[in-house]
Amino acid sequence: MKIKVRLFATLREGRGKEQMMEFTDTATPQAIFDRLDIPSADVAILLINGFDGKFDQPLKDGDTVSIFPPVGGG
C-alpha cells in the first residue's frame, strides 16, 4: 500500500517535505517513524487524512499522514 507522508518543521531536516512510502497491509504510523528514524517523543501532532491519529492506528492505501514536532520558542 502507498502512504503519503508529510513532515513539518524540524522533522523535514534530511528527510524532505513530502514523500510517498510503500508498506505492507499492516502498517501503522509507528512504522513510518521507525523507517524515517523519528523518535516517538519527537512527534507532538499526528494527523491521518486531516484527523487526529494514533501511533498504532492501522493505515489504509492512499492515506495521508502528517507529522509535526513539538513547537518551541518564545
N, C-alpha and C. Protein backbone atom coordinates (compact mmCIF):
# COMPACT_ATOMS: atom_id res chain seq x y z
N MET A 1 0.84 -1.17 0.00
CA MET A 1 0.00 0.00 0.00
C MET A 1 0.89 1.23 0.00
N LYS A 2 0.38 2.32 -0.59
CA LYS A 2 1.13 3.57 -0.66
C LYS A 2 0.53 4.59 0.29
N ILE A 3 1.41 5.25 1.04
CA ILE A 3 1.02 6.25 2.03
C ILE A 3 1.78 7.54 1.72
N LYS A 4 1.07 8.67 1.70
CA LYS A 4 1.74 9.96 1.55
C LYS A 4 2.12 10.45 2.95
N VAL A 5 3.39 10.78 3.12
CA VAL A 5 3.89 11.24 4.42
C VAL A 5 4.32 12.69 4.27
N ARG A 6 3.76 13.54 5.11
CA ARG A 6 4.10 14.96 5.12
C ARG A 6 4.77 15.30 6.44
N LEU A 7 5.96 15.87 6.36
CA LEU A 7 6.72 16.23 7.55
C LEU A 7 6.77 17.75 7.68
N PHE A 8 6.80 18.22 8.92
CA PHE A 8 6.78 19.65 9.17
C PHE A 8 7.93 20.07 10.08
N ALA A 9 8.33 21.33 9.94
CA ALA A 9 9.34 21.99 10.77
C ALA A 9 10.63 21.18 10.82
N THR A 10 11.16 20.94 12.00
CA THR A 10 12.46 20.29 12.15
C THR A 10 12.47 18.84 11.65
N LEU A 11 11.31 18.21 11.54
CA LEU A 11 11.28 16.83 11.06
C LEU A 11 11.64 16.72 9.58
N ARG A 12 11.60 17.83 8.86
CA ARG A 12 11.97 17.84 7.44
C ARG A 12 13.47 17.74 7.21
N GLU A 13 14.25 18.12 8.20
CA GLU A 13 15.70 18.17 8.04
C GLU A 13 16.26 16.81 7.67
N GLY A 14 16.82 16.72 6.47
CA GLY A 14 17.41 15.48 6.00
C GLY A 14 16.39 14.45 5.53
N ARG A 15 15.09 14.80 5.56
CA ARG A 15 14.06 13.84 5.17
C ARG A 15 13.15 14.37 4.07
N GLY A 16 13.14 15.67 3.87
CA GLY A 16 12.27 16.26 2.86
C GLY A 16 10.91 16.64 3.43
N LYS A 17 10.14 17.30 2.59
CA LYS A 17 8.83 17.84 2.99
C LYS A 17 7.72 16.81 2.85
N GLU A 18 7.75 16.07 1.74
CA GLU A 18 6.68 15.12 1.46
C GLU A 18 7.25 13.96 0.67
N GLN A 19 6.74 12.77 0.95
CA GLN A 19 7.20 11.59 0.22
C GLN A 19 6.13 10.51 0.22
N MET A 20 6.20 9.68 -0.79
CA MET A 20 5.33 8.51 -0.86
C MET A 20 6.12 7.32 -0.31
N MET A 21 5.48 6.55 0.55
CA MET A 21 6.13 5.37 1.13
C MET A 21 5.25 4.16 0.88
N GLU A 22 5.89 3.02 0.67
CA GLU A 22 5.15 1.78 0.48
C GLU A 22 5.33 0.89 1.71
N PHE A 23 4.21 0.28 2.13
CA PHE A 23 4.19 -0.58 3.31
C PHE A 23 3.34 -1.81 3.03
N THR A 24 3.42 -2.76 3.94
CA THR A 24 2.55 -3.92 3.89
C THR A 24 1.15 -3.50 4.33
N ASP A 25 0.21 -4.40 4.28
CA ASP A 25 -1.16 -4.08 4.66
C ASP A 25 -1.35 -3.87 6.16
N THR A 26 -0.30 -4.06 6.95
CA THR A 26 -0.44 -3.94 8.40
C THR A 26 0.34 -2.75 8.96
N ALA A 27 0.60 -1.74 8.15
CA ALA A 27 1.40 -0.60 8.59
C ALA A 27 0.62 0.31 9.54
N THR A 28 1.38 0.96 10.41
CA THR A 28 0.86 1.96 11.34
C THR A 28 1.78 3.19 11.26
N PRO A 29 1.35 4.33 11.83
CA PRO A 29 2.26 5.47 11.86
C PRO A 29 3.59 5.16 12.54
N GLN A 30 3.58 4.27 13.53
CA GLN A 30 4.83 3.91 14.19
C GLN A 30 5.83 3.33 13.19
N ALA A 31 5.34 2.59 12.19
CA ALA A 31 6.22 2.04 11.15
C ALA A 31 6.87 3.16 10.34
N ILE A 32 6.14 4.25 10.14
CA ILE A 32 6.71 5.41 9.44
C ILE A 32 7.82 6.02 10.29
N PHE A 33 7.54 6.22 11.58
CA PHE A 33 8.55 6.79 12.48
C PHE A 33 9.81 5.93 12.46
N ASP A 34 9.63 4.62 12.53
CA ASP A 34 10.77 3.71 12.55
C ASP A 34 11.58 3.82 11.26
N ARG A 35 10.90 3.83 10.12
CA ARG A 35 11.59 3.88 8.83
C ARG A 35 12.33 5.20 8.65
N LEU A 36 11.76 6.29 9.14
CA LEU A 36 12.38 7.61 8.99
C LEU A 36 13.28 7.99 10.16
N ASP A 37 13.44 7.07 11.11
CA ASP A 37 14.27 7.30 12.29
C ASP A 37 13.82 8.54 13.06
N ILE A 38 12.51 8.60 13.32
CA ILE A 38 11.92 9.68 14.11
C ILE A 38 11.49 9.10 15.45
N PRO A 39 12.13 9.52 16.56
CA PRO A 39 11.70 9.04 17.87
C PRO A 39 10.26 9.46 18.16
N SER A 40 9.50 8.59 18.77
CA SER A 40 8.10 8.90 19.10
C SER A 40 7.99 10.17 19.94
N ALA A 41 8.97 10.41 20.79
CA ALA A 41 8.95 11.60 21.64
C ALA A 41 9.05 12.89 20.82
N ASP A 42 9.52 12.80 19.57
CA ASP A 42 9.64 13.97 18.70
C ASP A 42 8.37 14.26 17.92
N VAL A 43 7.31 13.48 18.16
CA VAL A 43 6.05 13.68 17.45
C VAL A 43 5.03 14.27 18.43
N ALA A 44 4.63 15.53 18.16
CA ALA A 44 3.65 16.19 19.02
C ALA A 44 2.24 16.08 18.45
N ILE A 45 2.13 16.14 17.13
CA ILE A 45 0.82 16.07 16.47
C ILE A 45 0.92 15.07 15.32
N LEU A 46 -0.05 14.18 15.27
CA LEU A 46 -0.13 13.18 14.22
C LEU A 46 -1.52 13.26 13.60
N LEU A 47 -1.57 13.55 12.31
CA LEU A 47 -2.85 13.61 11.61
C LEU A 47 -2.88 12.54 10.53
N ILE A 48 -4.00 11.85 10.43
CA ILE A 48 -4.22 10.88 9.37
C ILE A 48 -5.43 11.37 8.58
N ASN A 49 -5.18 11.74 7.34
CA ASN A 49 -6.22 12.32 6.47
C ASN A 49 -6.88 13.54 7.11
N GLY A 50 -6.06 14.33 7.84
CA GLY A 50 -6.55 15.57 8.43
C GLY A 50 -7.20 15.44 9.79
N PHE A 51 -7.26 14.22 10.33
CA PHE A 51 -7.88 13.99 11.64
C PHE A 51 -6.84 13.44 12.62
N ASP A 52 -7.07 13.69 13.91
CA ASP A 52 -6.16 13.16 14.93
C ASP A 52 -5.95 11.67 14.74
N GLY A 53 -4.68 11.26 14.79
CA GLY A 53 -4.36 9.85 14.64
C GLY A 53 -3.64 9.32 15.85
N LYS A 54 -3.53 8.00 15.91
CA LYS A 54 -2.81 7.32 16.99
C LYS A 54 -1.63 6.57 16.39
N PHE A 55 -0.59 6.43 17.20
CA PHE A 55 0.64 5.79 16.71
C PHE A 55 0.40 4.37 16.24
N ASP A 56 -0.58 3.67 16.83
CA ASP A 56 -0.82 2.27 16.48
C ASP A 56 -2.04 2.08 15.58
N GLN A 57 -2.55 3.17 15.02
CA GLN A 57 -3.73 3.10 14.16
C GLN A 57 -3.37 2.46 12.81
N PRO A 58 -4.12 1.44 12.39
CA PRO A 58 -3.84 0.82 11.09
C PRO A 58 -4.06 1.83 9.95
N LEU A 59 -3.14 1.83 9.00
CA LEU A 59 -3.25 2.71 7.84
C LEU A 59 -3.85 1.97 6.66
N LYS A 60 -4.45 2.75 5.75
CA LYS A 60 -5.05 2.19 4.54
C LYS A 60 -4.36 2.80 3.32
N ASP A 61 -4.41 2.08 2.21
CA ASP A 61 -3.84 2.55 0.96
C ASP A 61 -4.41 3.93 0.63
N GLY A 62 -3.52 4.88 0.30
CA GLY A 62 -3.95 6.22 -0.07
C GLY A 62 -4.04 7.20 1.08
N ASP A 63 -3.81 6.76 2.32
CA ASP A 63 -3.86 7.66 3.47
C ASP A 63 -2.75 8.72 3.36
N THR A 64 -3.01 9.87 3.95
CA THR A 64 -2.01 10.92 4.10
C THR A 64 -1.73 11.09 5.59
N VAL A 65 -0.47 10.94 5.95
CA VAL A 65 -0.04 11.06 7.35
C VAL A 65 0.80 12.32 7.48
N SER A 66 0.39 13.23 8.36
CA SER A 66 1.12 14.47 8.62
C SER A 66 1.69 14.40 10.02
N ILE A 67 2.98 14.72 10.12
CA ILE A 67 3.70 14.57 11.39
C ILE A 67 4.32 15.92 11.77
N PHE A 68 4.02 16.39 12.97
CA PHE A 68 4.50 17.66 13.46
C PHE A 68 5.32 17.44 14.74
N PRO A 69 6.43 18.16 14.89
CA PRO A 69 7.22 18.08 16.12
C PRO A 69 6.64 19.02 17.17
N PRO A 70 7.13 18.94 18.41
CA PRO A 70 6.71 19.91 19.43
C PRO A 70 7.15 21.32 18.98
N VAL A 71 6.35 22.30 19.34
CA VAL A 71 6.65 23.68 18.97
C VAL A 71 7.28 24.37 20.15
N GLY A 72 8.37 25.04 19.90
CA GLY A 72 9.05 25.77 20.97
C GLY A 72 9.27 27.20 20.54
N GLY A 73 9.76 27.97 21.45
CA GLY A 73 10.06 29.38 21.12
C GLY A 73 9.51 30.30 22.19
N GLY A 74 9.63 31.54 21.89
CA GLY A 74 9.14 32.46 22.89
C GLY A 74 9.27 33.87 22.46
